[in-house]
Amino acid sequence: MKKKILITGSSGFIAKHFIRIFKNKYTFILYDRKKNGDLSLKKKFPKADYVLHLAALCSTKDFYLNPNQVIQDNISPTLNLINFYGKNYPKTKFIFTGTPESISGSVEKLNYKIPTDEKAPIYIDDLNNKRWSYALSKAVCEQIVMFGKLKFVIIRPHNLYGPNQKNHFIPEFLERAEGKKSVELFGYKNKRCWLYIDDFCDALEKLMSCKKAAGEVVNIGSNFEKSTYDVAKIMLKLKYPNRNIRIIKRPAPKGSAMRRMPSINKVKSLINWKPKTNLKTGLSFIINAK
C-alpha cells in the first residue's frame, strides 16, 4: 500500500514538481489555500504518514508589501498542523521547509563561515526592515516543529529554480526582458548557489524516509555559485542568441544577502546525495519548457 502524504501549498512550485516526480510512489492529499481555505482555521485533517508542509508566502514582493500576512501565513498554519497531528496522529512524520534567509544575517553581519552549515545562528539586525518578516517567522516555525510531539525533518532549500516557477528572480527577469532592448537587474553583485528543482525533490524524498535525518535541520542546495549578473547573461544568451540585450545594473534591496553558499556535507552524509544538473542545463530546461 502506498504511503500517504498530506502536502500543503499543493499548487505551488515545489509541490507540483514533487507530485509530478513521485505521483506513482505515494498517495497525495492536496491542501491549498484557494481550494481548501485558511490552514490556520481548519479543525480536522486526514490521517497521513507524512505531512509535507510547503505552504508559505515566499515572494520577496510579499515580504515588503504584506509583512503581517507573511508572518500569519507562516506561523498559524504550522502551529495548527503540529498541534492537530501531535494530538490525533502522533506517528505522522512532519517535514517542514525553513529558509536560509533566517541565517543570512549571521553571514552578513557576524562573518559566519561560508559554506554555511546548519549550526549558523539566526541573526536579525533590523526589525524595522519588512524583509525579515519571512525569515524570522520561518525561524519561529522551526521551533514550533522542534518542540512539537512529532518526528520531524526541517529542510532549508537554497535557491531553487525550474520550469513554471513564479515570483522569483529567474522567471521575473525573463519576463522583464521579453521584447526589450535593455532590462534592469537588481542585486547584480549578489552571489547564489543554484539548485534545479528535480535535484531538490530527489533529496527531499530521500530525507523523508531517512531515519538518521529525524530531528535534524538539513540544508538542501548546491555549490554551483554564480552571481545574479552571470545567471542573467546565461539566460539572455539561451533565450535570445541573436540579440544583444543590455543589462542595467541596479543595487540590491536593503537586507538582501550578498552571498549565500550552503554547506551540503550533512545531506550528503545522510542520504549519499549530490546535485546532478548544472546551471546552464537547468536554465535551458526553463527556456525550452512548454
Protein backbone atom coordinates (compact mmCIF):
# COMPACT_ATOMS: atom_id res chain seq x y z
CA MET A 1 0.00 0.00 0.00
CA LYS A 2 1.26 3.45 -0.92
CA LYS A 3 2.14 5.77 1.92
CA LYS A 4 0.05 8.92 2.21
CA ILE A 5 1.50 12.42 2.12
CA LEU A 6 -0.57 15.44 3.08
CA ILE A 7 1.06 18.23 1.11
CA THR A 8 0.29 21.87 1.85
CA GLY A 9 0.79 24.56 -0.75
CA SER A 10 -0.09 21.90 -3.30
CA SER A 11 -0.45 24.36 -6.18
CA GLY A 12 2.99 25.86 -5.51
CA PHE A 13 6.24 25.40 -7.38
CA ILE A 14 7.89 22.77 -5.15
CA ALA A 15 4.72 20.78 -4.58
CA LYS A 16 3.80 20.50 -8.25
CA HIS A 17 7.22 19.16 -9.19
CA PHE A 18 7.36 16.80 -6.20
CA ILE A 19 3.94 15.37 -7.13
CA ARG A 20 4.98 15.09 -10.78
CA ILE A 21 8.06 13.05 -9.91
CA PHE A 22 6.56 10.81 -7.21
CA LYS A 23 2.90 10.52 -8.25
CA ASN A 24 3.24 6.76 -8.76
CA LYS A 25 5.01 6.13 -5.46
CA TYR A 26 2.75 7.94 -2.96
CA THR A 27 -0.87 8.85 -2.44
CA PHE A 28 -1.11 12.62 -2.14
CA ILE A 29 -3.68 14.53 -0.10
CA LEU A 30 -3.62 18.04 -1.51
CA TYR A 31 -4.16 21.17 0.55
CA ASP A 32 -4.09 24.64 -0.96
CA ARG A 33 -5.45 27.96 0.32
CA LYS A 34 -7.50 28.66 -2.82
CA LYS A 35 -9.27 25.29 -2.70
CA ASN A 36 -9.27 24.40 1.00
CA GLY A 37 -9.24 27.76 2.76
CA ASP A 38 -7.01 29.05 5.54
CA LEU A 39 -4.99 26.20 7.08
CA SER A 40 -4.85 28.01 10.40
CA LEU A 41 -8.66 27.74 10.68
CA LYS A 42 -9.03 24.05 9.85
CA LYS A 43 -10.13 21.84 12.75
CA LYS A 44 -9.57 18.41 11.25
CA PHE A 45 -7.08 16.86 8.87
CA PRO A 46 -6.92 13.32 7.45
CA LYS A 47 -4.57 10.61 8.67
CA ALA A 48 -1.27 10.63 6.80
CA ASP A 49 2.15 9.00 7.03
CA TYR A 50 3.82 12.33 6.27
CA VAL A 51 2.87 15.98 6.36
CA LEU A 52 4.95 17.89 3.84
CA HIS A 53 4.34 21.50 4.87
CA LEU A 54 5.31 23.71 1.93
CA ALA A 55 2.66 26.42 2.12
CA ALA A 56 4.02 29.96 2.59
CA LEU A 57 4.09 33.41 1.02
CA CYS A 58 7.68 33.30 -0.23
CA SER A 59 7.82 36.05 -2.85
CA THR A 60 10.19 38.89 -1.99
CA LYS A 61 7.46 41.31 -3.06
CA ASP A 62 5.22 39.95 -0.31
CA PHE A 63 7.93 40.48 2.32
CA TYR A 64 7.79 44.21 1.66
CA LEU A 65 4.13 44.69 0.69
CA ASN A 66 2.37 42.26 3.06
CA PRO A 67 4.70 41.53 6.01
CA ASN A 68 1.93 40.81 8.52
CA GLN A 69 0.28 38.39 6.10
CA VAL A 70 3.63 36.66 5.56
CA ILE A 71 4.02 36.21 9.32
CA GLN A 72 0.44 34.99 9.71
CA ASP A 73 0.69 32.53 6.84
CA ASN A 74 3.86 31.01 8.23
CA ILE A 75 3.15 30.73 11.94
CA SER A 76 -0.57 29.99 12.33
CA PRO A 77 -0.88 27.05 9.89
CA THR A 78 2.32 25.47 11.20
CA LEU A 79 1.12 25.68 14.79
CA ASN A 80 -2.29 24.31 13.83
CA LEU A 81 -0.87 21.34 11.90
CA ILE A 82 1.69 20.44 14.57
CA ASN A 83 -0.91 20.56 17.35
CA PHE A 84 -3.52 18.58 15.42
CA TYR A 85 -1.25 15.76 14.26
CA GLY A 86 0.61 15.64 17.56
CA LYS A 87 -2.69 15.06 19.36
CA ASN A 88 -4.54 12.86 16.84
CA TYR A 89 -1.93 11.07 14.70
CA PRO A 90 1.35 11.10 16.65
CA LYS A 91 3.05 8.62 14.31
CA THR A 92 2.90 11.12 11.44
CA LYS A 93 6.29 12.45 10.35
CA PHE A 94 6.39 16.21 9.79
CA ILE A 95 8.56 17.70 7.04
CA PHE A 96 8.95 21.45 7.28
CA THR A 97 10.58 23.82 4.81
CA GLY A 98 12.58 26.51 6.56
CA THR A 99 14.71 29.08 4.77
CA PRO A 100 18.37 30.10 4.57
CA GLU A 101 17.11 33.69 4.89
CA SER A 102 16.92 33.00 8.65
CA ILE A 103 20.69 32.66 8.94
CA SER A 104 21.80 35.11 6.25
CA GLY A 105 22.29 37.84 8.85
CA SER A 106 24.91 35.77 10.65
CA VAL A 107 26.92 35.57 7.42
CA GLU A 108 26.49 39.23 6.51
CA LYS A 109 26.93 40.77 9.96
CA LEU A 110 28.76 38.20 12.08
CA ASN A 111 31.07 36.89 9.35
CA TYR A 112 29.93 33.31 9.88
CA LYS A 113 31.77 30.88 7.64
CA ILE A 114 30.96 30.12 4.01
CA PRO A 115 29.95 27.43 3.00
CA THR A 116 27.43 27.91 5.78
CA ASP A 117 26.32 24.92 7.83
CA GLU A 118 23.09 24.31 9.72
CA LYS A 119 24.59 25.48 13.03
CA ALA A 120 24.77 29.13 11.95
CA PRO A 121 22.91 31.37 14.41
CA ILE A 122 19.76 33.22 13.49
CA TYR A 123 20.61 36.90 13.46
CA ILE A 124 18.21 39.73 12.67
CA ASP A 125 19.86 43.15 12.68
CA ASP A 126 16.89 45.40 11.88
CA LEU A 127 13.36 44.51 12.94
CA ASN A 128 12.07 47.56 11.08
CA ASN A 129 13.11 46.03 7.77
CA LYS A 130 9.99 44.32 6.43
CA ARG A 131 12.13 41.81 4.55
CA TRP A 132 12.74 39.97 7.83
CA SER A 133 9.03 39.15 8.15
CA TYR A 134 9.67 35.95 6.20
CA ALA A 135 12.97 34.85 7.72
CA LEU A 136 12.02 35.50 11.33
CA SER A 137 8.59 33.87 11.10
CA LYS A 138 10.14 30.83 9.41
CA ALA A 139 12.63 30.59 12.27
CA VAL A 140 9.78 30.67 14.79
CA CYS A 141 8.11 27.87 12.82
CA GLU A 142 11.26 25.77 13.08
CA GLN A 143 10.96 26.00 16.88
CA ILE A 144 7.26 25.13 16.73
CA VAL A 145 8.18 21.98 14.82
CA MET A 146 11.12 21.14 17.10
CA PHE A 147 9.07 21.49 20.28
CA GLY A 148 6.02 19.62 18.98
CA LYS A 149 5.24 15.96 19.58
CA LEU A 150 6.02 14.61 16.10
CA LYS A 151 9.08 13.16 14.48
CA PHE A 152 10.32 15.76 12.02
CA VAL A 153 12.86 16.86 9.48
CA ILE A 154 13.44 20.56 8.84
CA ILE A 155 14.89 21.31 5.45
CA ARG A 156 16.30 24.59 4.20
CA PRO A 157 16.05 24.83 0.39
CA HIS A 158 18.68 27.05 -1.23
CA ASN A 159 17.83 29.00 -4.38
CA LEU A 160 15.69 26.52 -6.23
CA TYR A 161 14.80 27.10 -9.86
CA GLY A 162 12.97 25.25 -12.61
CA PRO A 163 10.09 25.38 -15.10
CA ASN A 164 6.82 27.09 -14.12
CA GLN A 165 8.27 28.97 -11.17
CA LYS A 166 6.64 32.29 -10.29
CA ASN A 167 7.53 35.39 -8.28
CA HIS A 168 11.25 34.68 -8.19
CA PHE A 169 14.34 36.17 -9.79
CA ILE A 170 14.67 33.87 -12.82
CA PRO A 171 11.09 33.97 -14.16
CA GLU A 172 10.69 37.67 -13.31
CA PHE A 173 13.90 38.60 -15.13
CA LEU A 174 12.90 36.63 -18.21
CA GLU A 175 9.50 38.30 -18.20
CA ARG A 176 11.02 41.79 -17.94
CA ALA A 177 13.42 41.06 -20.79
CA GLU A 178 10.66 40.00 -23.20
CA GLY A 179 10.70 42.29 -26.25
CA LYS A 180 13.13 44.76 -24.65
CA LYS A 181 16.46 46.21 -25.73
CA SER A 182 17.56 46.63 -22.13
CA VAL A 183 16.49 45.16 -18.82
CA GLU A 184 17.08 46.14 -15.19
CA LEU A 185 18.78 43.72 -12.82
CA PHE A 186 18.59 44.40 -9.08
CA GLY A 187 21.28 42.90 -6.86
CA TYR A 188 23.61 42.16 -9.77
CA LYS A 189 26.56 41.54 -7.43
CA ASN A 190 24.70 39.04 -5.26
CA LYS A 191 26.02 35.50 -5.48
CA ARG A 192 23.92 32.39 -5.01
CA CYS A 193 24.28 28.62 -5.34
CA TRP A 194 21.54 27.43 -7.67
CA LEU A 195 19.75 24.08 -7.37
CA TYR A 196 17.50 22.59 -10.03
CA ILE A 197 14.09 21.54 -8.74
CA ASP A 198 14.35 17.86 -9.71
CA ASP A 199 17.60 17.51 -7.76
CA PHE A 200 15.94 19.13 -4.77
CA CYS A 201 12.93 16.81 -4.92
CA ASP A 202 15.23 13.80 -5.06
CA ALA A 203 16.98 14.88 -1.86
CA LEU A 204 13.71 15.80 -0.14
CA GLU A 205 12.12 12.43 -0.82
CA LYS A 206 15.17 10.55 0.44
CA LEU A 207 15.32 12.63 3.64
CA MET A 208 11.66 11.97 4.40
CA SER A 209 12.28 8.28 4.95
CA CYS A 210 15.82 8.58 6.34
CA LYS A 211 15.82 7.50 10.00
CA LYS A 212 19.07 9.33 10.70
CA ALA A 213 17.53 12.60 9.44
CA ALA A 214 14.76 12.56 12.07
CA GLY A 215 15.07 15.58 14.36
CA GLU A 216 17.62 17.29 12.11
CA VAL A 217 17.84 20.60 10.26
CA VAL A 218 19.28 19.92 6.80
CA ASN A 219 20.44 22.21 4.02
CA ILE A 220 19.45 21.15 0.52
CA GLY A 221 21.42 23.12 -2.03
CA SER A 222 24.39 23.13 -4.34
CA ASN A 223 27.81 24.71 -4.52
CA PHE A 224 27.28 25.89 -8.11
CA GLU A 225 27.92 29.54 -7.22
CA LYS A 226 27.12 32.26 -9.74
CA SER A 227 26.26 35.94 -9.43
CA THR A 228 22.79 37.03 -10.48
CA TYR A 229 24.50 39.00 -13.25
CA ASP A 230 26.17 35.87 -14.63
CA VAL A 231 22.87 33.97 -14.42
CA ALA A 232 21.11 36.80 -16.23
CA LYS A 233 23.70 36.72 -19.04
CA ILE A 234 23.31 32.95 -19.46
CA MET A 235 19.52 33.27 -19.63
CA LEU A 236 19.61 36.01 -22.25
CA LYS A 237 22.11 34.10 -24.39
CA LEU A 238 19.98 30.95 -24.22
CA LYS A 239 16.68 32.68 -24.98
CA TYR A 240 17.88 35.37 -27.39
CA PRO A 241 21.04 34.00 -29.07
CA ASN A 242 20.84 36.53 -31.90
CA ARG A 243 20.04 39.63 -29.84
CA ASN A 244 22.18 41.89 -27.69
CA ILE A 245 20.07 42.93 -24.70
CA ARG A 246 21.77 45.37 -22.34
CA ILE A 247 21.63 44.62 -18.62
CA ILE A 248 21.14 47.73 -16.47
CA LYS A 249 22.82 47.06 -13.14
CA ARG A 250 20.91 48.12 -10.03
CA PRO A 251 21.80 47.69 -6.32
CA ALA A 252 20.11 45.03 -4.21
CA PRO A 253 17.24 45.89 -1.84
CA LYS A 254 18.30 46.62 1.74
CA GLY A 255 18.72 43.41 3.70
CA SER A 256 19.40 41.19 0.70
CA ALA A 257 22.28 38.77 1.34
CA MET A 258 25.32 39.47 -0.80
CA ARG A 259 26.45 35.85 -0.84
CA ARG A 260 24.80 32.57 0.04
CA MET A 261 26.56 29.22 -0.20
CA PRO A 262 25.32 26.30 1.91
CA SER A 263 27.41 23.53 3.32
CA ILE A 264 25.86 20.34 1.96
CA ASN A 265 28.08 17.94 3.89
CA LYS A 266 25.20 16.91 6.14
CA VAL A 267 22.75 15.99 3.38
CA LYS A 268 25.49 14.13 1.54
CA SER A 269 26.35 12.08 4.62
CA LEU A 270 22.71 11.31 5.47
CA ILE A 271 21.46 10.14 2.07
CA ASN A 272 24.53 9.91 -0.17
CA TRP A 273 23.15 12.64 -2.43
CA LYS A 274 24.62 15.35 -4.60
CA PRO A 275 23.12 17.69 -7.22
CA LYS A 276 23.34 16.49 -10.82
CA THR A 277 22.00 19.30 -13.02
CA ASN A 278 24.45 22.05 -13.96
CA LEU A 279 23.17 25.60 -14.17
CA LYS A 280 23.24 26.05 -17.94
CA THR A 281 21.37 22.78 -18.47
CA GLY A 282 18.77 23.66 -15.86
CA LEU A 283 18.22 27.12 -17.33
CA SER A 284 17.81 25.60 -20.79
CA PHE A 285 15.02 23.40 -19.40
CA ILE A 286 13.24 26.59 -18.30
CA ILE A 287 13.77 28.39 -21.60
CA ASN A 288 12.51 25.40 -23.60
CA ALA A 289 9.62 24.47 -21.31
CA LYS A 290 6.19 24.48 -22.92
